[in-house]
Full PDB file with SEQRES, HELIX, SHEET, SSBOND, CRYST1, ORIGX, SCALE, CONECT and MASTER records, all heavy atoms in Angstrom:
SEQRES   1 A   32  ALA ILE ASP LYS ALA LEU ASP GLU VAL ALA ARG SER GLY          
SEQRES   2 A   32  ASN LEU PRO VAL PRO LEU HIS LEU ARG ASN ALA PRO THR          
SEQRES   3 A   32  ALA LEU MET LYS GLU LEU                                      
HELIX    1 AA1 ILE A    2  SER A   12  1                                  11    
HELIX    2 AA2 LEU A   19  LEU A   21  5                                   3    
HELIX    3 AA3 ALA A   27  GLU A   31  1                                   5    
CRYST1    1.000    1.000    1.000  90.00  90.00  90.00 P 1           1          
ORIGX1      1.000000  0.000000  0.000000        0.00000                         
ORIGX2      0.000000  1.000000  0.000000        0.00000                         
ORIGX3      0.000000  0.000000  1.000000        0.00000                         
SCALE1      1.000000  0.000000  0.000000        0.00000                         
SCALE2      0.000000  1.000000  0.000000        0.00000                         
SCALE3      0.000000  0.000000  1.000000        0.00000                         
ATOM      1  N   ALA A   1       1.612   7.838 -15.802  1.00  0.00           N  
ATOM      2  CA  ALA A   1       2.396   6.935 -14.933  1.00  0.00           C  
ATOM      3  C   ALA A   1       3.542   6.278 -15.681  1.00  0.00           C  
ATOM      4  O   ALA A   1       4.683   6.233 -15.212  1.00  0.00           O  
ATOM      5  CB  ALA A   1       1.519   5.898 -14.247  1.00  0.00           C  
ATOM      6  N   ILE A   2       3.235   5.739 -16.875  1.00  0.00           N  
ATOM      7  CA  ILE A   2       4.296   5.077 -17.600  1.00  0.00           C  
ATOM      8  C   ILE A   2       5.332   6.046 -18.094  1.00  0.00           C  
ATOM      9  O   ILE A   2       6.546   5.716 -18.092  1.00  0.00           O  
ATOM     10  CB  ILE A   2       3.682   4.244 -18.795  1.00  0.00           C  
ATOM     11  CG1 ILE A   2       4.786   3.439 -19.517  1.00  0.00           C  
ATOM     12  CG2 ILE A   2       2.941   5.135 -19.781  1.00  0.00           C  
ATOM     13  CD1 ILE A   2       5.517   2.419 -18.625  1.00  0.00           C  
ATOM     14  N   ASP A   3       4.943   7.244 -18.502  1.00  0.00           N  
ATOM     15  CA  ASP A   3       5.923   8.251 -18.936  1.00  0.00           C  
ATOM     16  C   ASP A   3       6.763   8.711 -17.772  1.00  0.00           C  
ATOM     17  O   ASP A   3       7.996   8.903 -17.915  1.00  0.00           O  
ATOM     18  CB  ASP A   3       5.224   9.463 -19.581  1.00  0.00           C  
ATOM     19  CG  ASP A   3       4.785   9.171 -20.994  1.00  0.00           C  
ATOM     20  OD1 ASP A   3       5.123   8.075 -21.535  1.00  0.00           O  
ATOM     21  OD2 ASP A   3       4.108  10.037 -21.606  1.00  0.00           O  
ATOM     22  N   LYS A   4       6.190   8.798 -16.588  1.00  0.00           N  
ATOM     23  CA  LYS A   4       6.922   9.180 -15.389  1.00  0.00           C  
ATOM     24  C   LYS A   4       7.943   8.096 -15.038  1.00  0.00           C  
ATOM     25  O   LYS A   4       9.090   8.383 -14.688  1.00  0.00           O  
ATOM     26  CB  LYS A   4       5.950   9.398 -14.255  1.00  0.00           C  
ATOM     27  CG  LYS A   4       6.508  10.186 -13.065  1.00  0.00           C  
ATOM     28  CD  LYS A   4       5.359  10.491 -12.088  1.00  0.00           C  
ATOM     29  CE  LYS A   4       5.698  11.328 -10.958  1.00  0.00           C  
ATOM     30  NZ  LYS A   4       4.582  11.553 -10.006  1.00  0.00           N  
ATOM     31  N   ALA A   5       7.526   6.842 -15.149  1.00  0.00           N  
ATOM     32  CA  ALA A   5       8.413   5.718 -14.869  1.00  0.00           C  
ATOM     33  C   ALA A   5       9.546   5.625 -15.887  1.00  0.00           C  
ATOM     34  O   ALA A   5      10.681   5.340 -15.550  1.00  0.00           O  
ATOM     35  CB  ALA A   5       7.620   4.389 -14.860  1.00  0.00           C  
ATOM     36  N   LEU A   6       9.236   5.889 -17.158  1.00  0.00           N  
ATOM     37  CA  LEU A   6      10.283   5.935 -18.212  1.00  0.00           C  
ATOM     38  C   LEU A   6      11.296   6.991 -17.974  1.00  0.00           C  
ATOM     39  O   LEU A   6      12.505   6.807 -18.193  1.00  0.00           O  
ATOM     40  CB  LEU A   6       9.645   6.071 -19.563  1.00  0.00           C  
ATOM     41  CG  LEU A   6       8.921   4.829 -20.143  1.00  0.00           C  
ATOM     42  CD1 LEU A   6       8.085   5.188 -21.345  1.00  0.00           C  
ATOM     43  CD2 LEU A   6       9.895   3.756 -20.480  1.00  0.00           C  
ATOM     44  N   ASP A   7      10.828   8.161 -17.493  1.00  0.00           N  
ATOM     45  CA  ASP A   7      11.762   9.266 -17.165  1.00  0.00           C  
ATOM     46  C   ASP A   7      12.708   8.797 -16.044  1.00  0.00           C  
ATOM     47  O   ASP A   7      13.885   9.087 -16.025  1.00  0.00           O  
ATOM     48  CB  ASP A   7      10.990  10.509 -16.725  1.00  0.00           C  
ATOM     49  CG  ASP A   7      10.318  11.197 -17.886  1.00  0.00           C  
ATOM     50  OD1 ASP A   7      10.700  10.961 -19.033  1.00  0.00           O  
ATOM     51  OD2 ASP A   7       9.387  12.008 -17.622  1.00  0.00           O  
ATOM     52  N   GLU A   8      12.142   8.088 -15.030  1.00  0.00           N  
ATOM     53  CA  GLU A   8      12.947   7.619 -13.939  1.00  0.00           C  
ATOM     54  C   GLU A   8      13.983   6.573 -14.425  1.00  0.00           C  
ATOM     55  O   GLU A   8      15.157   6.611 -13.996  1.00  0.00           O  
ATOM     56  CB  GLU A   8      12.084   6.946 -12.883  1.00  0.00           C  
ATOM     57  CG  GLU A   8      12.837   6.367 -11.674  1.00  0.00           C  
ATOM     58  CD  GLU A   8      13.672   7.430 -10.965  1.00  0.00           C  
ATOM     59  OE1 GLU A   8      13.092   8.479 -10.578  1.00  0.00           O  
ATOM     60  OE2 GLU A   8      14.881   7.180 -10.758  1.00  0.00           O  
ATOM     61  N   VAL A   9      13.598   5.682 -15.318  1.00  0.00           N  
ATOM     62  CA  VAL A   9      14.517   4.693 -15.876  1.00  0.00           C  
ATOM     63  C   VAL A   9      15.637   5.403 -16.626  1.00  0.00           C  
ATOM     64  O   VAL A   9      16.845   5.040 -16.535  1.00  0.00           O  
ATOM     65  CB  VAL A   9      13.766   3.721 -16.811  1.00  0.00           C  
ATOM     66  CG1 VAL A   9      14.745   2.870 -17.590  1.00  0.00           C  
ATOM     67  CG2 VAL A   9      12.801   2.863 -15.994  1.00  0.00           C  
ATOM     68  N   ALA A  10      15.286   6.431 -17.397  1.00  0.00           N  
ATOM     69  CA  ALA A  10      16.328   7.184 -18.127  1.00  0.00           C  
ATOM     70  C   ALA A  10      17.267   7.898 -17.165  1.00  0.00           C  
ATOM     71  O   ALA A  10      18.469   8.048 -17.462  1.00  0.00           O  
ATOM     72  CB  ALA A  10      15.627   8.202 -19.082  1.00  0.00           C  
ATOM     73  N   ARG A  11      16.703   8.375 -16.030  1.00  0.00           N  
ATOM     74  CA  ARG A  11      17.538   9.087 -15.077  1.00  0.00           C  
ATOM     75  C   ARG A  11      18.468   8.203 -14.260  1.00  0.00           C  
ATOM     76  O   ARG A  11      19.634   8.420 -14.081  1.00  0.00           O  
ATOM     77  CB  ARG A  11      16.637   9.900 -14.127  1.00  0.00           C  
ATOM     78  CG  ARG A  11      17.380  10.845 -13.167  1.00  0.00           C  
ATOM     79  CD  ARG A  11      16.452  11.428 -12.121  1.00  0.00           C  
ATOM     80  NE  ARG A  11      15.951  10.424 -11.212  1.00  0.00           N  
ATOM     81  CZ  ARG A  11      16.630   9.933 -10.160  1.00  0.00           C  
ATOM     82  NH1 ARG A  11      17.859  10.353  -9.929  1.00  0.00           N  
ATOM     83  NH2 ARG A  11      16.090   9.012  -9.371  1.00  0.00           N  
ATOM     84  N   SER A  12      17.862   7.116 -13.719  1.00  0.00           N  
ATOM     85  CA  SER A  12      18.589   6.280 -12.760  1.00  0.00           C  
ATOM     86  C   SER A  12      19.210   5.039 -13.347  1.00  0.00           C  
ATOM     87  O   SER A  12      19.937   4.317 -12.680  1.00  0.00           O  
ATOM     88  CB  SER A  12      17.646   5.888 -11.599  1.00  0.00           C  
ATOM     89  OG  SER A  12      16.462   5.262 -12.053  1.00  0.00           O  
ATOM     90  N   GLY A  13      18.854   4.700 -14.606  1.00  0.00           N  
ATOM     91  CA  GLY A  13      19.489   3.570 -15.275  1.00  0.00           C  
ATOM     92  C   GLY A  13      18.942   2.239 -14.795  1.00  0.00           C  
ATOM     93  O   GLY A  13      17.840   2.133 -14.234  1.00  0.00           O  
ATOM     94  N   ASN A  14      19.739   1.187 -14.973  1.00  0.00           N  
ATOM     95  CA  ASN A  14      19.334  -0.179 -14.670  1.00  0.00           C  
ATOM     96  C   ASN A  14      19.608  -0.500 -13.210  1.00  0.00           C  
ATOM     97  O   ASN A  14      20.629  -1.156 -12.873  1.00  0.00           O  
ATOM     98  CB  ASN A  14      20.053  -1.145 -15.596  1.00  0.00           C  
ATOM     99  CG  ASN A  14      19.687  -0.963 -17.035  1.00  0.00           C  
ATOM    100  OD1 ASN A  14      18.572  -0.648 -17.350  1.00  0.00           O  
ATOM    101  ND2 ASN A  14      20.673  -1.121 -17.914  1.00  0.00           N  
ATOM    102  N   LEU A  15      18.689  -0.053 -12.337  1.00  0.00           N  
ATOM    103  CA  LEU A  15      18.878  -0.355 -10.909  1.00  0.00           C  
ATOM    104  C   LEU A  15      18.672  -1.851 -10.646  1.00  0.00           C  
ATOM    105  O   LEU A  15      17.817  -2.487 -11.292  1.00  0.00           O  
ATOM    106  CB  LEU A  15      17.850   0.457 -10.110  1.00  0.00           C  
ATOM    107  CG  LEU A  15      18.021   1.987 -10.174  1.00  0.00           C  
ATOM    108  CD1 LEU A  15      16.833   2.673  -9.435  1.00  0.00           C  
ATOM    109  CD2 LEU A  15      19.365   2.446  -9.625  1.00  0.00           C  
ATOM    110  N   PRO A  16      19.419  -2.416  -9.715  1.00  0.00           N  
ATOM    111  CA  PRO A  16      19.308  -3.869  -9.488  1.00  0.00           C  
ATOM    112  C   PRO A  16      17.988  -4.216  -8.868  1.00  0.00           C  
ATOM    113  O   PRO A  16      17.416  -3.488  -8.054  1.00  0.00           O  
ATOM    114  CB  PRO A  16      20.475  -4.127  -8.518  1.00  0.00           C  
ATOM    115  CG  PRO A  16      20.758  -2.811  -7.846  1.00  0.00           C  
ATOM    116  CD  PRO A  16      20.459  -1.779  -8.871  1.00  0.00           C  
ATOM    117  N   VAL A  17      17.489  -5.379  -9.207  1.00  0.00           N  
ATOM    118  CA  VAL A  17      16.273  -5.920  -8.625  1.00  0.00           C  
ATOM    119  C   VAL A  17      16.633  -6.360  -7.171  1.00  0.00           C  
ATOM    120  O   VAL A  17      17.612  -7.034  -6.961  1.00  0.00           O  
ATOM    121  CB  VAL A  17      15.765  -7.136  -9.408  1.00  0.00           C  
ATOM    122  CG1 VAL A  17      14.542  -7.784  -8.746  1.00  0.00           C  
ATOM    123  CG2 VAL A  17      15.416  -6.747 -10.838  1.00  0.00           C  
ATOM    124  N   PRO A  18      15.797  -5.943  -6.214  1.00  0.00           N  
ATOM    125  CA  PRO A  18      16.023  -6.374  -4.812  1.00  0.00           C  
ATOM    126  C   PRO A  18      16.178  -7.921  -4.729  1.00  0.00           C  
ATOM    127  O   PRO A  18      15.431  -8.610  -5.402  1.00  0.00           O  
ATOM    128  CB  PRO A  18      14.808  -5.883  -4.055  1.00  0.00           C  
ATOM    129  CG  PRO A  18      14.341  -4.690  -4.866  1.00  0.00           C  
ATOM    130  CD  PRO A  18      14.622  -5.047  -6.274  1.00  0.00           C  
ATOM    131  N   LEU A  19      17.049  -8.375  -3.848  1.00  0.00           N  
ATOM    132  CA  LEU A  19      17.323  -9.785  -3.776  1.00  0.00           C  
ATOM    133  C   LEU A  19      16.077 -10.618  -3.478  1.00  0.00           C  
ATOM    134  O   LEU A  19      15.868 -11.680  -4.052  1.00  0.00           O  
ATOM    135  CB  LEU A  19      18.385 -10.052  -2.679  1.00  0.00           C  
ATOM    136  CG  LEU A  19      19.832  -9.847  -3.071  1.00  0.00           C  
ATOM    137  CD1 LEU A  19      20.735 -10.020  -1.850  1.00  0.00           C  
ATOM    138  CD2 LEU A  19      20.277 -10.830  -4.154  1.00  0.00           C  
ATOM    139  N   HIS A  20      15.220 -10.121  -2.607  1.00  0.00           N  
ATOM    140  CA  HIS A  20      14.033 -10.925  -2.226  1.00  0.00           C  
ATOM    141  C   HIS A  20      13.015 -11.052  -3.369  1.00  0.00           C  
ATOM    142  O   HIS A  20      12.159 -11.949  -3.296  1.00  0.00           O  
ATOM    143  CB  HIS A  20      13.385 -10.303  -0.944  1.00  0.00           C  
ATOM    144  CG  HIS A  20      12.703  -8.988  -1.171  1.00  0.00           C  
ATOM    145  ND1 HIS A  20      13.407  -7.835  -1.270  1.00  0.00           N  
ATOM    146  CD2 HIS A  20      11.380  -8.644  -1.309  1.00  0.00           C  
ATOM    147  CE1 HIS A  20      12.595  -6.823  -1.447  1.00  0.00           C  
ATOM    148  NE2 HIS A  20      11.349  -7.289  -1.476  1.00  0.00           N  
ATOM    149  N   LEU A  21      13.147 -10.230  -4.439  1.00  0.00           N  
ATOM    150  CA  LEU A  21      12.243 -10.356  -5.554  1.00  0.00           C  
ATOM    151  C   LEU A  21      12.825 -11.187  -6.708  1.00  0.00           C  
ATOM    152  O   LEU A  21      12.125 -11.463  -7.683  1.00  0.00           O  
ATOM    153  CB  LEU A  21      11.901  -8.935  -6.113  1.00  0.00           C  
ATOM    154  CG  LEU A  21      11.141  -8.039  -5.187  1.00  0.00           C  
ATOM    155  CD1 LEU A  21      10.841  -6.678  -5.889  1.00  0.00           C  
ATOM    156  CD2 LEU A  21       9.830  -8.632  -4.700  1.00  0.00           C  
ATOM    157  N   ARG A  22      14.078 -11.564  -6.585  1.00  0.00           N  
ATOM    158  CA  ARG A  22      14.695 -12.271  -7.675  1.00  0.00           C  
ATOM    159  C   ARG A  22      14.301 -13.754  -7.683  1.00  0.00           C  
ATOM    160  O   ARG A  22      14.037 -14.359  -6.672  1.00  0.00           O  
ATOM    161  CB  ARG A  22      16.237 -12.181  -7.575  1.00  0.00           C  
ATOM    162  CG  ARG A  22      16.763 -10.773  -7.682  1.00  0.00           C  
ATOM    163  CD  ARG A  22      18.284 -10.752  -7.727  1.00  0.00           C  
ATOM    164  NE  ARG A  22      18.794  -9.390  -7.568  1.00  0.00           N  
ATOM    165  CZ  ARG A  22      20.079  -9.022  -7.673  1.00  0.00           C  
ATOM    166  NH1 ARG A  22      20.986  -9.989  -7.924  1.00  0.00           N  
ATOM    167  NH2 ARG A  22      20.431  -7.775  -7.511  1.00  0.00           N  
ATOM    168  N   ASN A  23      14.255 -14.314  -8.896  1.00  0.00           N  
ATOM    169  CA  ASN A  23      13.967 -15.714  -9.094  1.00  0.00           C  
ATOM    170  C   ASN A  23      15.168 -16.534  -8.730  1.00  0.00           C  
ATOM    171  O   ASN A  23      16.327 -16.127  -8.971  1.00  0.00           O  
ATOM    172  CB  ASN A  23      13.565 -15.952 -10.536  1.00  0.00           C  
ATOM    173  CG  ASN A  23      12.983 -17.358 -10.748  1.00  0.00           C  
ATOM    174  OD1 ASN A  23      12.398 -17.917  -9.817  1.00  0.00           O  
ATOM    175  ND2 ASN A  23      13.147 -17.908 -11.917  1.00  0.00           N  
ATOM    176  N   ALA A  24      14.983 -17.739  -8.142  1.00  0.00           N  
ATOM    177  CA  ALA A  24      16.111 -18.582  -7.702  1.00  0.00           C  
ATOM    178  C   ALA A  24      15.908 -19.977  -8.233  1.00  0.00           C  
ATOM    179  O   ALA A  24      15.670 -20.900  -7.467  1.00  0.00           O  
ATOM    180  CB  ALA A  24      16.229 -18.557  -6.213  1.00  0.00           C  
ATOM    181  N   PRO A  25      16.078 -20.209  -9.534  1.00  0.00           N  
ATOM    182  CA  PRO A  25      15.847 -21.577 -10.109  1.00  0.00           C  
ATOM    183  C   PRO A  25      16.991 -22.530  -9.827  1.00  0.00           C  
ATOM    184  O   PRO A  25      16.861 -23.743 -10.028  1.00  0.00           O  
ATOM    185  CB  PRO A  25      15.724 -21.297 -11.577  1.00  0.00           C  
ATOM    186  CG  PRO A  25      16.484 -20.074 -11.829  1.00  0.00           C  
ATOM    187  CD  PRO A  25      16.331 -19.213 -10.567  1.00  0.00           C  
ATOM    188  N   THR A  26      18.194 -22.031  -9.413  1.00  0.00           N  
ATOM    189  CA  THR A  26      19.309 -22.904  -9.197  1.00  0.00           C  
ATOM    190  C   THR A  26      19.780 -22.835  -7.740  1.00  0.00           C  
ATOM    191  O   THR A  26      19.523 -21.884  -7.033  1.00  0.00           O  
ATOM    192  CB  THR A  26      20.506 -22.523 -10.093  1.00  0.00           C  
ATOM    193  OG1 THR A  26      21.022 -21.259  -9.705  1.00  0.00           O  
ATOM    194  CG2 THR A  26      20.049 -22.471 -11.577  1.00  0.00           C  
ATOM    195  N   ALA A  27      20.521 -23.835  -7.317  1.00  0.00           N  
ATOM    196  CA  ALA A  27      21.059 -23.913  -5.970  1.00  0.00           C  
ATOM    197  C   ALA A  27      21.997 -22.756  -5.705  1.00  0.00           C  
ATOM    198  O   ALA A  27      22.019 -22.164  -4.611  1.00  0.00           O  
ATOM    199  CB  ALA A  27      21.757 -25.243  -5.746  1.00  0.00           C  
ATOM    200  N   LEU A  28      22.820 -22.403  -6.692  1.00  0.00           N  
ATOM    201  CA  LEU A  28      23.775 -21.318  -6.542  1.00  0.00           C  
ATOM    202  C   LEU A  28      23.047 -19.990  -6.254  1.00  0.00           C  
ATOM    203  O   LEU A  28      23.447 -19.228  -5.364  1.00  0.00           O  
ATOM    204  CB  LEU A  28      24.629 -21.128  -7.779  1.00  0.00           C  
ATOM    205  CG  LEU A  28      25.615 -19.945  -7.801  1.00  0.00           C  
ATOM    206  CD1 LEU A  28      26.579 -20.059  -6.684  1.00  0.00           C  
ATOM    207  CD2 LEU A  28      26.298 -19.812  -9.158  1.00  0.00           C  
ATOM    208  N   MET A  29      21.947 -19.769  -6.973  1.00  0.00           N  
ATOM    209  CA  MET A  29      21.215 -18.522  -6.768  1.00  0.00           C  
ATOM    210  C   MET A  29      20.618 -18.502  -5.373  1.00  0.00           C  
ATOM    211  O   MET A  29      20.564 -17.406  -4.738  1.00  0.00           O  
ATOM    212  CB  MET A  29      20.086 -18.393  -7.818  1.00  0.00           C  
ATOM    213  CG  MET A  29      20.608 -18.112  -9.206  1.00  0.00           C  
ATOM    214  SD  MET A  29      19.306 -18.075 -10.423  1.00  0.00           S  
ATOM    215  CE  MET A  29      20.179 -17.448 -11.852  1.00  0.00           C  
ATOM    216  N   LYS A  30      20.157 -19.639  -4.864  1.00  0.00           N  
ATOM    217  CA  LYS A  30      19.632 -19.687  -3.497  1.00  0.00           C  
ATOM    218  C   LYS A  30      20.719 -19.367  -2.504  1.00  0.00           C  
ATOM    219  O   LYS A  30      20.501 -18.725  -1.520  1.00  0.00           O  
ATOM    220  CB  LYS A  30      19.020 -21.075  -3.235  1.00  0.00           C  
ATOM    221  CG  LYS A  30      17.706 -21.273  -3.992  1.00  0.00           C  
ATOM    222  CD  LYS A  30      17.162 -22.683  -3.759  1.00  0.00           C  
ATOM    223  CE  LYS A  30      15.875 -22.896  -4.559  1.00  0.00           C  
ATOM    224  NZ  LYS A  30      15.370 -24.273  -4.422  1.00  0.00           N  
ATOM    225  N   GLU A  31      21.927 -19.892  -2.779  1.00  0.00           N  
ATOM    226  CA  GLU A  31      23.050 -19.637  -1.885  1.00  0.00           C  
ATOM    227  C   GLU A  31      23.435 -18.149  -1.862  1.00  0.00           C  
ATOM    228  O   GLU A  31      23.908 -17.634  -0.881  1.00  0.00           O  
ATOM    229  CB  GLU A  31      24.301 -20.448  -2.342  1.00  0.00           C  
ATOM    230  CG  GLU A  31      24.160 -21.940  -2.090  1.00  0.00           C  
ATOM    231  CD  GLU A  31      25.337 -22.710  -2.695  1.00  0.00           C  
ATOM    232  OE1 GLU A  31      26.336 -22.050  -3.058  1.00  0.00           O  
ATOM    233  OE2 GLU A  31      25.236 -23.955  -2.779  1.00  0.00           O  
ATOM    234  N   LEU A  32      23.145 -17.480  -2.990  1.00  0.00           N  
ATOM    235  CA  LEU A  32      23.378 -16.030  -3.055  1.00  0.00           C  
ATOM    236  C   LEU A  32      22.238 -15.213  -2.529  1.00  0.00           C  
ATOM    237  O   LEU A  32      22.206 -13.984  -2.720  1.00  0.00           O  
ATOM    238  CB  LEU A  32      23.681 -15.650  -4.529  1.00  0.00           C  
ATOM    239  CG  LEU A  32      24.962 -16.254  -5.129  1.00  0.00           C  
ATOM    240  CD1 LEU A  32      25.063 -15.949  -6.599  1.00  0.00           C  
ATOM    241  CD2 LEU A  32      26.206 -15.708  -4.402  1.00  0.00           C  
TER     242      LEU A  32                                                      
MASTER        0    0    0    3    0    0    0    6  241    1    0    3          
END                                                                             
């Protein structure tokens, strides 16, 4: 599983974290 996931990371690069999963410690981040 980890090798398969690493292959995917190498293939697709740094895909953005979905907005609903992101941390929002500041007011600006919440506004975004």
